Amino acid sequence: HPVLSLKLQSNELLRAYLHIKGRLEQSLTKDDI
């Protein structure tokens, strides 16, 4: 708690995921890449 979520189609989800991790300055794992 809390959990925020956003439901998207897969191509949009991937772009959003990578963009948000970048904006939060979180490093990408090999799996993320």
Full PDB file with SEQRES, HELIX, SHEET, SSBOND, CRYST1, ORIGX, SCALE, CONECT and MASTER records, all heavy atoms in Angstrom:
SEQRES   1 A   33  HIS PRO VAL LEU SER LEU LYS LEU GLN SER ASN GLU LEU          
SEQRES   2 A   33  LEU ARG ALA TYR LEU HIS ILE LYS GLY ARG LEU GLU GLN          
SEQRES   3 A   33  SER LEU THR LYS ASP ASP ILE                                  
HELIX    1 AA1 SER A   10  ARG A   23  1                                  14    
CRYST1    1.000    1.000    1.000  90.00  90.00  90.00 P 1           1          
ORIGX1      1.000000  0.000000  0.000000        0.00000                         
ORIGX2      0.000000  1.000000  0.000000        0.00000                         
ORIGX3      0.000000  0.000000  1.000000        0.00000                         
SCALE1      1.000000  0.000000  0.000000        0.00000                         
SCALE2      0.000000  1.000000  0.000000        0.00000                         
SCALE3      0.000000  0.000000  1.000000        0.00000                         
ATOM      1  N   HIS A   1       0.854  -1.187   0.000  1.00  0.00           N  
ATOM      2  CA  HIS A   1       0.000   0.000   0.000  1.00  0.00           C  
ATOM      3  C   HIS A   1       0.884   1.228   0.000  1.00  0.00           C  
ATOM      4  O   HIS A   1       1.820   1.300   0.807  1.00  0.00           O  
ATOM      5  CB  HIS A   1      -0.913   0.028   1.229  1.00  0.00           C  
ATOM      6  CG  HIS A   1      -1.849   1.189   1.213  1.00  0.00           C  
ATOM      7  ND1 HIS A   1      -2.936   1.240   0.393  1.00  0.00           N  
ATOM      8  CD2 HIS A   1      -1.814   2.351   1.892  1.00  0.00           C  
ATOM      9  CE1 HIS A   1      -3.554   2.387   0.574  1.00  0.00           C  
ATOM     10  NE2 HIS A   1      -2.901   3.078   1.490  1.00  0.00           N  
ATOM     11  N   PRO A   2       0.663   2.147  -0.837  1.00  0.00           N  
ATOM     12  CA  PRO A   2      -0.300   2.168  -1.936  1.00  0.00           C  
ATOM     13  C   PRO A   2       0.256   1.458  -3.164  1.00  0.00           C  
ATOM     14  O   PRO A   2       1.472   1.258  -3.278  1.00  0.00           O  
ATOM     15  CB  PRO A   2      -0.463   3.661  -2.221  1.00  0.00           C  
ATOM     16  CG  PRO A   2       0.887   4.235  -1.885  1.00  0.00           C  
ATOM     17  CD  PRO A   2       1.378   3.426  -0.715  1.00  0.00           C  
ATOM     18  N   VAL A   3      -0.607   1.091  -4.073  1.00  0.00           N  
ATOM     19  CA  VAL A   3      -0.221   0.558  -5.375  1.00  0.00           C  
ATOM     20  C   VAL A   3      -0.933   1.404  -6.427  1.00  0.00           C  
ATOM     21  O   VAL A   3      -2.143   1.559  -6.385  1.00  0.00           O  
ATOM     22  CB  VAL A   3      -0.617  -0.923  -5.546  1.00  0.00           C  
ATOM     23  CG1 VAL A   3      -0.326  -1.402  -6.958  1.00  0.00           C  
ATOM     24  CG2 VAL A   3       0.096  -1.794  -4.523  1.00  0.00           C  
ATOM     25  N   LEU A   4      -0.155   1.963  -7.319  1.00  0.00           N  
ATOM     26  CA  LEU A   4      -0.717   2.699  -8.447  1.00  0.00           C  
ATOM     27  C   LEU A   4      -0.514   1.845  -9.680  1.00  0.00           C  
ATOM     28  O   LEU A   4       0.533   1.195  -9.817  1.00  0.00           O  
ATOM     29  CB  LEU A   4      -0.015   4.039  -8.627  1.00  0.00           C  
ATOM     30  CG  LEU A   4      -0.404   5.093  -7.611  1.00  0.00           C  
ATOM     31  CD1 LEU A   4       0.493   5.010  -6.417  1.00  0.00           C  
ATOM     32  CD2 LEU A   4      -0.364   6.437  -8.232  1.00  0.00           C  
ATOM     33  N   SER A   5      -1.491   1.828 -10.550  1.00  0.00           N  
ATOM     34  CA  SER A   5      -1.329   1.033 -11.763  1.00  0.00           C  
ATOM     35  C   SER A   5      -1.938   1.745 -12.951  1.00  0.00           C  
ATOM     36  O   SER A   5      -2.795   2.622 -12.812  1.00  0.00           O  
ATOM     37  CB  SER A   5      -1.948  -0.351 -11.591  1.00  0.00           C  
ATOM     38  OG  SER A   5      -3.350  -0.275 -11.503  1.00  0.00           O  
ATOM     39  N   LEU A   6      -1.467   1.333 -14.096  1.00  0.00           N  
ATOM     40  CA  LEU A   6      -1.911   1.878 -15.362  1.00  0.00           C  
ATOM     41  C   LEU A   6      -2.013   0.703 -16.320  1.00  0.00           C  
ATOM     42  O   LEU A   6      -1.047  -0.047 -16.473  1.00  0.00           O  
ATOM     43  CB  LEU A   6      -0.887   2.896 -15.859  1.00  0.00           C  
ATOM     44  CG  LEU A   6      -1.134   3.629 -17.153  1.00  0.00           C  
ATOM     45  CD1 LEU A   6      -2.418   4.443 -17.075  1.00  0.00           C  
ATOM     46  CD2 LEU A   6       0.045   4.548 -17.452  1.00  0.00           C  
ATOM     47  N   LYS A   7      -3.187   0.507 -16.917  1.00  0.00           N  
ATOM     48  CA  LYS A   7      -3.386  -0.610 -17.829  1.00  0.00           C  
ATOM     49  C   LYS A   7      -3.255  -0.104 -19.261  1.00  0.00           C  
ATOM     50  O   LYS A   7      -3.935   0.854 -19.647  1.00  0.00           O  
ATOM     51  CB  LYS A   7      -4.757  -1.251 -17.611  1.00  0.00           C  
ATOM     52  CG  LYS A   7      -4.940  -2.550 -18.348  1.00  0.00           C  
ATOM     53  CD  LYS A   7      -6.216  -3.251 -17.914  1.00  0.00           C  
ATOM     54  CE  LYS A   7      -6.303  -4.626 -18.563  1.00  0.00           C  
ATOM     55  NZ  LYS A   7      -7.474  -5.358 -18.103  1.00  0.00           N  
ATOM     56  N   LEU A   8      -2.352  -0.738 -20.022  1.00  0.00           N  
ATOM     57  CA  LEU A   8      -2.061  -0.326 -21.388  1.00  0.00           C  
ATOM     58  C   LEU A   8      -1.861  -1.539 -22.291  1.00  0.00           C  
ATOM     59  O   LEU A   8      -1.592  -2.643 -21.803  1.00  0.00           O  
ATOM     60  CB  LEU A   8      -0.772   0.512 -21.430  1.00  0.00           C  
ATOM     61  CG  LEU A   8      -0.758   1.823 -20.671  1.00  0.00           C  
ATOM     62  CD1 LEU A   8       0.657   2.336 -20.537  1.00  0.00           C  
ATOM     63  CD2 LEU A   8      -1.633   2.840 -21.381  1.00  0.00           C  
ATOM     64  N   GLN A   9      -1.928  -1.315 -23.585  1.00  0.00           N  
ATOM     65  CA  GLN A   9      -1.581  -2.346 -24.551  1.00  0.00           C  
ATOM     66  C   GLN A   9      -0.069  -2.580 -24.477  1.00  0.00           C  
ATOM     67  O   GLN A   9       0.694  -1.700 -24.068  1.00  0.00           O  
ATOM     68  CB  GLN A   9      -1.988  -1.918 -25.963  1.00  0.00           C  
ATOM     69  CG  GLN A   9      -3.476  -1.785 -26.152  1.00  0.00           C  
ATOM     70  CD  GLN A   9      -4.178  -3.129 -25.951  1.00  0.00           C  
ATOM     71  OE1 GLN A   9      -3.727  -4.162 -26.433  1.00  0.00           O  
ATOM     72  NE2 GLN A   9      -5.270  -3.106 -25.217  1.00  0.00           N  
ATOM     73  N   SER A  10       0.382  -3.745 -24.897  1.00  0.00           N  
ATOM     74  CA  SER A  10       1.774  -4.154 -24.686  1.00  0.00           C  
ATOM     75  C   SER A  10       2.804  -3.194 -25.274  1.00  0.00           C  
ATOM     76  O   SER A  10       3.807  -2.900 -24.632  1.00  0.00           O  
ATOM     77  CB  SER A  10       1.995  -5.570 -25.201  1.00  0.00           C  
ATOM     78  OG  SER A  10       1.644  -5.669 -26.564  1.00  0.00           O  
ATOM     79  N   ASN A  11       2.586  -2.679 -26.481  1.00  0.00           N  
ATOM     80  CA  ASN A  11       3.589  -1.775 -27.064  1.00  0.00           C  
ATOM     81  C   ASN A  11       3.645  -0.452 -26.298  1.00  0.00           C  
ATOM     82  O   ASN A  11       4.721   0.104 -26.077  1.00  0.00           O  
ATOM     83  CB  ASN A  11       3.344  -1.546 -28.549  1.00  0.00           C  
ATOM     84  CG  ASN A  11       1.985  -0.961 -28.844  1.00  0.00           C  
ATOM     85  OD1 ASN A  11       1.050  -1.076 -28.050  1.00  0.00           O  
ATOM     86  ND2 ASN A  11       1.852  -0.340 -29.995  1.00  0.00           N  
ATOM     87  N   GLU A  12       2.507   0.050 -25.850  1.00  0.00           N  
ATOM     88  CA  GLU A  12       2.479   1.273 -25.052  1.00  0.00           C  
ATOM     89  C   GLU A  12       3.023   1.018 -23.655  1.00  0.00           C  
ATOM     90  O   GLU A  12       3.707   1.855 -23.083  1.00  0.00           O  
ATOM     91  CB  GLU A  12       1.057   1.815 -24.955  1.00  0.00           C  
ATOM     92  CG  GLU A  12       0.492   2.291 -26.268  1.00  0.00           C  
ATOM     93  CD  GLU A  12      -0.982   2.650 -26.168  1.00  0.00           C  
ATOM     94  OE1 GLU A  12      -1.687   2.078 -25.310  1.00  0.00           O  
ATOM     95  OE2 GLU A  12      -1.412   3.496 -26.952  1.00  0.00           O  
ATOM     96  N   LEU A  13       2.715  -0.150 -23.108  1.00  0.00           N  
ATOM     97  CA  LEU A  13       3.171  -0.518 -21.769  1.00  0.00           C  
ATOM     98  C   LEU A  13       4.691  -0.540 -21.705  1.00  0.00           C  
ATOM     99  O   LEU A  13       5.282  -0.003 -20.766  1.00  0.00           O  
ATOM    100  CB  LEU A  13       2.592  -1.880 -21.376  1.00  0.00           C  
ATOM    101  CG  LEU A  13       2.996  -2.435 -20.018  1.00  0.00           C  
ATOM    102  CD1 LEU A  13       2.553  -1.510 -18.897  1.00  0.00           C  
ATOM    103  CD2 LEU A  13       2.392  -3.820 -19.825  1.00  0.00           C  
ATOM    104  N   LEU A  14       5.313  -1.126 -22.708  1.00  0.00           N  
ATOM    105  CA  LEU A  14       6.778  -1.194 -22.720  1.00  0.00           C  
ATOM    106  C   LEU A  14       7.378   0.204 -22.775  1.00  0.00           C  
ATOM    107  O   LEU A  14       8.287   0.521 -22.005  1.00  0.00           O  
ATOM    108  CB  LEU A  14       7.262  -2.030 -23.907  1.00  0.00           C  
ATOM    109  CG  LEU A  14       8.777  -2.182 -24.040  1.00  0.00           C  
ATOM    110  CD1 LEU A  14       9.376  -2.812 -22.792  1.00  0.00           C  
ATOM    111  CD2 LEU A  14       9.119  -2.992 -25.280  1.00  0.00           C  
ATOM    112  N   ARG A  15       6.863   1.052 -23.641  1.00  0.00           N  
ATOM    113  CA  ARG A  15       7.390   2.420 -23.736  1.00  0.00           C  
ATOM    114  C   ARG A  15       7.178   3.168 -22.424  1.00  0.00           C  
ATOM    115  O   ARG A  15       8.079   3.873 -21.949  1.00  0.00           O  
ATOM    116  CB  ARG A  15       6.738   3.161 -24.902  1.00  0.00           C  
ATOM    117  CG  ARG A  15       7.223   2.689 -26.251  1.00  0.00           C  
ATOM    118  CD  ARG A  15       6.883   3.659 -27.363  1.00  0.00           C  
ATOM    119  NE  ARG A  15       5.500   4.085 -27.366  1.00  0.00           N  
ATOM    120  CZ  ARG A  15       4.588   3.668 -28.231  1.00  0.00           C  
ATOM    121  NH1 ARG A  15       4.903   2.801 -29.153  1.00  0.00           N  
ATOM    122  NH2 ARG A  15       3.351   4.127 -28.165  1.00  0.00           N  
ATOM    123  N   ALA A  16       5.998   3.047 -21.831  1.00  0.00           N  
ATOM    124  CA  ALA A  16       5.711   3.729 -20.569  1.00  0.00           C  
ATOM    125  C   ALA A  16       6.622   3.223 -19.453  1.00  0.00           C  
ATOM    126  O   ALA A  16       7.161   4.010 -18.671  1.00  0.00           O  
ATOM    127  CB  ALA A  16       4.243   3.544 -20.188  1.00  0.00           C  
ATOM    128  N   TYR A  17       6.787   1.909 -19.373  1.00  0.00           N  
ATOM    129  CA  TYR A  17       7.630   1.294 -18.339  1.00  0.00           C  
ATOM    130  C   TYR A  17       9.059   1.837 -18.418  1.00  0.00           C  
ATOM    131  O   TYR A  17       9.618   2.295 -17.412  1.00  0.00           O  
ATOM    132  CB  TYR A  17       7.599  -0.218 -18.515  1.00  0.00           C  
ATOM    133  CG  TYR A  17       8.542  -0.990 -17.624  1.00  0.00           C  
ATOM    134  CD1 TYR A  17       8.335  -1.069 -16.256  1.00  0.00           C  
ATOM    135  CD2 TYR A  17       9.633  -1.660 -18.157  1.00  0.00           C  
ATOM    136  CE1 TYR A  17       9.193  -1.793 -15.432  1.00  0.00           C  
ATOM    137  CE2 TYR A  17      10.486  -2.386 -17.356  1.00  0.00           C  
ATOM    138  CZ  TYR A  17      10.269  -2.446 -15.997  1.00  0.00           C  
ATOM    139  OH  TYR A  17      11.110  -3.161 -15.191  1.00  0.00           O  
ATOM    140  N   LEU A  18       9.633   1.801 -19.602  1.00  0.00           N  
ATOM    141  CA  LEU A  18      11.012   2.258 -19.767  1.00  0.00           C  
ATOM    142  C   LEU A  18      11.124   3.759 -19.506  1.00  0.00           C  
ATOM    143  O   LEU A  18      12.086   4.213 -18.875  1.00  0.00           O  
ATOM    144  CB  LEU A  18      11.518   1.902 -21.172  1.00  0.00           C  
ATOM    145  CG  LEU A  18      11.606   0.401 -21.467  1.00  0.00           C  
ATOM    146  CD1 LEU A  18      11.974   0.173 -22.927  1.00  0.00           C  
ATOM    147  CD2 LEU A  18      12.579  -0.304 -20.533  1.00  0.00           C  
ATOM    148  N   HIS A  19      10.154   4.524 -19.948  1.00  0.00           N  
ATOM    149  CA  HIS A  19      10.178   5.969 -19.742  1.00  0.00           C  
ATOM    150  C   HIS A  19      10.067   6.320 -18.257  1.00  0.00           C  
ATOM    151  O   HIS A  19      10.822   7.174 -17.755  1.00  0.00           O  
ATOM    152  CB  HIS A  19       9.042   6.633 -20.533  1.00  0.00           C  
ATOM    153  CG  HIS A  19       9.065   8.115 -20.464  1.00  0.00           C  
ATOM    154  ND1 HIS A  19       9.947   8.878 -21.190  1.00  0.00           N  
ATOM    155  CD2 HIS A  19       8.322   8.978 -19.728  1.00  0.00           C  
ATOM    156  CE1 HIS A  19       9.748  10.157 -20.907  1.00  0.00           C  
ATOM    157  NE2 HIS A  19       8.755  10.246 -20.032  1.00  0.00           N  
ATOM    158  N   ILE A  20       9.174   5.668 -17.557  1.00  0.00           N  
ATOM    159  CA  ILE A  20       8.982   5.963 -16.131  1.00  0.00           C  
ATOM    160  C   ILE A  20      10.203   5.552 -15.323  1.00  0.00           C  
ATOM    161  O   ILE A  20      10.650   6.294 -14.449  1.00  0.00           O  
ATOM    162  CB  ILE A  20       7.683   5.311 -15.609  1.00  0.00           C  
ATOM    163  CG1 ILE A  20       6.491   6.091 -16.179  1.00  0.00           C  
ATOM    164  CG2 ILE A  20       7.649   5.261 -14.082  1.00  0.00           C  
ATOM    165  CD1 ILE A  20       5.153   5.469 -15.933  1.00  0.00           C  
ATOM    166  N   LYS A  21      10.774   4.398 -15.623  1.00  0.00           N  
ATOM    167  CA  LYS A  21      12.007   4.008 -14.917  1.00  0.00           C  
ATOM    168  C   LYS A  21      13.100   5.038 -15.152  1.00  0.00           C  
ATOM    169  O   LYS A  21      13.840   5.385 -14.231  1.00  0.00           O  
ATOM    170  CB  LYS A  21      12.455   2.611 -15.344  1.00  0.00           C  
ATOM    171  CG  LYS A  21      11.559   1.543 -14.722  1.00  0.00           C  
ATOM    172  CD  LYS A  21      12.156   0.182 -14.678  1.00  0.00           C  
ATOM    173  CE  LYS A  21      13.330   0.082 -13.798  1.00  0.00           C  
ATOM    174  NZ  LYS A  21      13.465  -1.143 -13.043  1.00  0.00           N  
ATOM    175  N   GLY A  22      13.176   5.544 -16.366  1.00  0.00           N  
ATOM    176  CA  GLY A  22      14.168   6.568 -16.667  1.00  0.00           C  
ATOM    177  C   GLY A  22      13.903   7.866 -15.919  1.00  0.00           C  
ATOM    178  O   GLY A  22      14.819   8.466 -15.355  1.00  0.00           O  
ATOM    179  N   ARG A  23      12.661   8.300 -15.899  1.00  0.00           N  
ATOM    180  CA  ARG A  23      12.305   9.546 -15.213  1.00  0.00           C  
ATOM    181  C   ARG A  23      12.538   9.437 -13.708  1.00  0.00           C  
ATOM    182  O   ARG A  23      12.843  10.431 -13.057  1.00  0.00           O  
ATOM    183  CB  ARG A  23      10.852   9.916 -15.489  1.00  0.00           C  
ATOM    184  CG  ARG A  23      10.573  10.376 -16.905  1.00  0.00           C  
ATOM    185  CD  ARG A  23      10.960  11.829 -17.179  1.00  0.00           C  
ATOM    186  NE  ARG A  23      10.311  12.786 -16.333  1.00  0.00           N  
ATOM    187  CZ  ARG A  23       9.136  13.367 -16.570  1.00  0.00           C  
ATOM    188  NH1 ARG A  23       8.486  13.090 -17.673  1.00  0.00           N  
ATOM    189  NH2 ARG A  23       8.641  14.217 -15.716  1.00  0.00           N  
ATOM    190  N   LEU A  24      12.378   8.224 -13.155  1.00  0.00           N  
ATOM    191  CA  LEU A  24      12.618   8.020 -11.727  1.00  0.00           C  
ATOM    192  C   LEU A  24      14.085   7.701 -11.441  1.00  0.00           C  
ATOM    193  O   LEU A  24      14.449   7.405 -10.299  1.00  0.00           O  
ATOM    194  CB  LEU A  24      11.720   6.894 -11.188  1.00  0.00           C  
ATOM    195  CG  LEU A  24      10.225   7.176 -11.221  1.00  0.00           C  
ATOM    196  CD1 LEU A  24       9.446   5.956 -10.742  1.00  0.00           C  
ATOM    197  CD2 LEU A  24       9.874   8.400 -10.381  1.00  0.00           C  
ATOM    198  N   GLU A  25      14.895   7.753 -12.494  1.00  0.00           N  
ATOM    199  CA  GLU A  25      16.331   7.486 -12.405  1.00  0.00           C  
ATOM    200  C   GLU A  25      16.619   6.108 -11.824  1.00  0.00           C  
ATOM    201  O   GLU A  25      17.529   5.936 -11.002  1.00  0.00           O  
ATOM    202  CB  GLU A  25      17.032   8.591 -11.630  1.00  0.00           C  
ATOM    203  CG  GLU A  25      16.901   9.949 -12.282  1.00  0.00           C  
ATOM    204  CD  GLU A  25      17.559  11.081 -11.529  1.00  0.00           C  
ATOM    205  OE1 GLU A  25      18.156  10.840 -10.447  1.00  0.00           O  
ATOM    206  OE2 GLU A  25      17.470  12.213 -12.017  1.00  0.00           O  
ATOM    207  N   GLN A  26      15.836   5.127 -12.253  1.00  0.00           N  
ATOM    208  CA  GLN A  26      16.057   3.742 -11.853  1.00  0.00           C  
ATOM    209  C   GLN A  26      16.782   3.032 -12.990  1.00  0.00           C  
ATOM    210  O   GLN A  26      16.393   3.134 -14.152  1.00  0.00           O  
ATOM    211  CB  GLN A  26      14.736   3.045 -11.556  1.00  0.00           C  
ATOM    212  CG  GLN A  26      14.021   3.626 -10.366  1.00  0.00           C  
ATOM    213  CD  GLN A  26      12.741   2.894 -10.031  1.00  0.00           C  
ATOM    214  OE1 GLN A  26      12.353   1.940 -10.684  1.00  0.00           O  
ATOM    215  NE2 GLN A  26      12.058   3.366  -9.003  1.00  0.00           N  
ATOM    216  N   SER A  27      17.833   2.310 -12.642  1.00  0.00           N  
ATOM    217  CA  SER A  27      18.613   1.637 -13.667  1.00  0.00           C  
ATOM    218  C   SER A  27      17.820   0.471 -14.270  1.00  0.00           C  
ATOM    219  O   SER A  27      16.975  -0.132 -13.614  1.00  0.00           O  
ATOM    220  CB  SER A  27      19.941   1.145 -13.107  1.00  0.00           C  
ATOM    221  OG  SER A  27      19.713   0.261 -12.039  1.00  0.00           O  
ATOM    222  N   LEU A  28      18.108   0.199 -15.530  1.00  0.00           N  
ATOM    223  CA  LEU A  28      17.466  -0.911 -16.223  1.00  0.00           C  
ATOM    224  C   LEU A  28      18.301  -2.169 -16.049  1.00  0.00           C  
ATOM    225  O   LEU A  28      19.528  -2.120 -16.164  1.00  0.00           O  
ATOM    226  CB  LEU A  28      17.320  -0.598 -17.719  1.00  0.00           C  
ATOM    227  CG  LEU A  28      16.457   0.597 -18.078  1.00  0.00           C  
ATOM    228  CD1 LEU A  28      16.508   0.850 -19.579  1.00  0.00           C  
ATOM    229  CD2 LEU A  28      15.022   0.387 -17.634  1.00  0.00           C  
ATOM    230  N   THR A  29      17.625  -3.279 -15.776  1.00  0.00           N  
ATOM    231  CA  THR A  29      18.305  -4.564 -15.680  1.00  0.00           C  
ATOM    232  C   THR A  29      18.485  -5.137 -17.076  1.00  0.00           C  
ATOM    233  O   THR A  29      17.908  -4.634 -18.051  1.00  0.00           O  
ATOM    234  CB  THR A  29      17.487  -5.560 -14.832  1.00  0.00           C  
ATOM    235  OG1 THR A  29      16.270  -5.855 -15.536  1.00  0.00           O  
ATOM    236  CG2 THR A  29      17.180  -4.992 -13.450  1.00  0.00           C  
ATOM    237  N   LYS A  30      19.249  -6.213 -17.182  1.00  0.00           N  
ATOM    238  CA  LYS A  30      19.391  -6.897 -18.473  1.00  0.00           C  
ATOM    239  C   LYS A  30      18.032  -7.363 -18.964  1.00  0.00           C  
ATOM    240  O   LYS A  30      17.741  -7.295 -20.155  1.00  0.00           O  
ATOM    241  CB  LYS A  30      20.344  -8.094 -18.365  1.00  0.00           C  
ATOM    242  CG  LYS A  30      21.802  -7.714 -18.275  1.00  0.00           C  
ATOM    243  CD  LYS A  30      22.726  -8.895 -18.477  1.00  0.00           C  
ATOM    244  CE  LYS A  30      22.588  -9.875 -17.335  1.00  0.00           C  
ATOM    245  NZ  LYS A  30      23.535 -10.997 -17.420  1.00  0.00           N  
ATOM    246  N   ASP A  31      17.183  -7.838 -18.050  1.00  0.00           N  
ATOM    247  CA  ASP A  31      15.840  -8.279 -18.427  1.00  0.00           C  
ATOM    248  C   ASP A  31      14.998  -7.123 -18.951  1.00  0.00           C  
ATOM    249  O   ASP A  31      14.243  -7.285 -19.904  1.00  0.00           O  
ATOM    250  CB  ASP A  31      15.129  -8.943 -17.244  1.00  0.00           C  
ATOM    251  CG  ASP A  31      15.735 -10.286 -16.878  1.00  0.00           C  
ATOM    252  OD1 ASP A  31      16.387 -10.913 -17.740  1.00  0.00           O  
ATOM    253  OD2 ASP A  31      15.547 -10.714 -15.722  1.00  0.00           O  
ATOM    254  N   ASP A  32      15.126  -5.952 -18.333  1.00  0.00           N  
ATOM    255  CA  ASP A  32      14.396  -4.776 -18.803  1.00  0.00           C  
ATOM    256  C   ASP A  32      14.806  -4.429 -20.230  1.00  0.00           C  
ATOM    257  O   ASP A  32      13.960  -4.140 -21.076  1.00  0.00           O  
ATOM    258  CB  ASP A  32      14.671  -3.551 -17.917  1.00  0.00           C  
ATOM    259  CG  ASP A  32      14.054  -3.642 -16.536  1.00  0.00           C  
ATOM    260  OD1 ASP A  32      13.101  -4.425 -16.351  1.00  0.00           O  
ATOM    261  OD2 ASP A  32      14.538  -2.923 -15.637  1.00  0.00           O  
ATOM    262  N   ILE A  33      16.092  -4.443 -20.488  1.00  0.00           N  
ATOM    263  CA  ILE A  33      16.614  -4.074 -21.802  1.00  0.00           C  
ATOM    264  C   ILE A  33      16.174  -5.078 -22.869  1.00  0.00           C  
ATOM    265  O   ILE A  33      15.864  -4.697 -23.996  1.00  0.00           O  
ATOM    266  CB  ILE A  33      18.153  -3.945 -21.751  1.00  0.00           C  
ATOM    267  CG1 ILE A  33      18.527  -2.758 -20.841  1.00  0.00           C  
ATOM    268  CG2 ILE A  33      18.757  -3.784 -23.137  1.00  0.00           C  
ATOM    269  CD1 ILE A  33      19.979  -2.701 -20.450  1.00  0.00           C  
TER     270      ILE A  33                                                      
MASTER        0    0    0    1    0    0    0    6  269    1    0    3          
END                                                                             
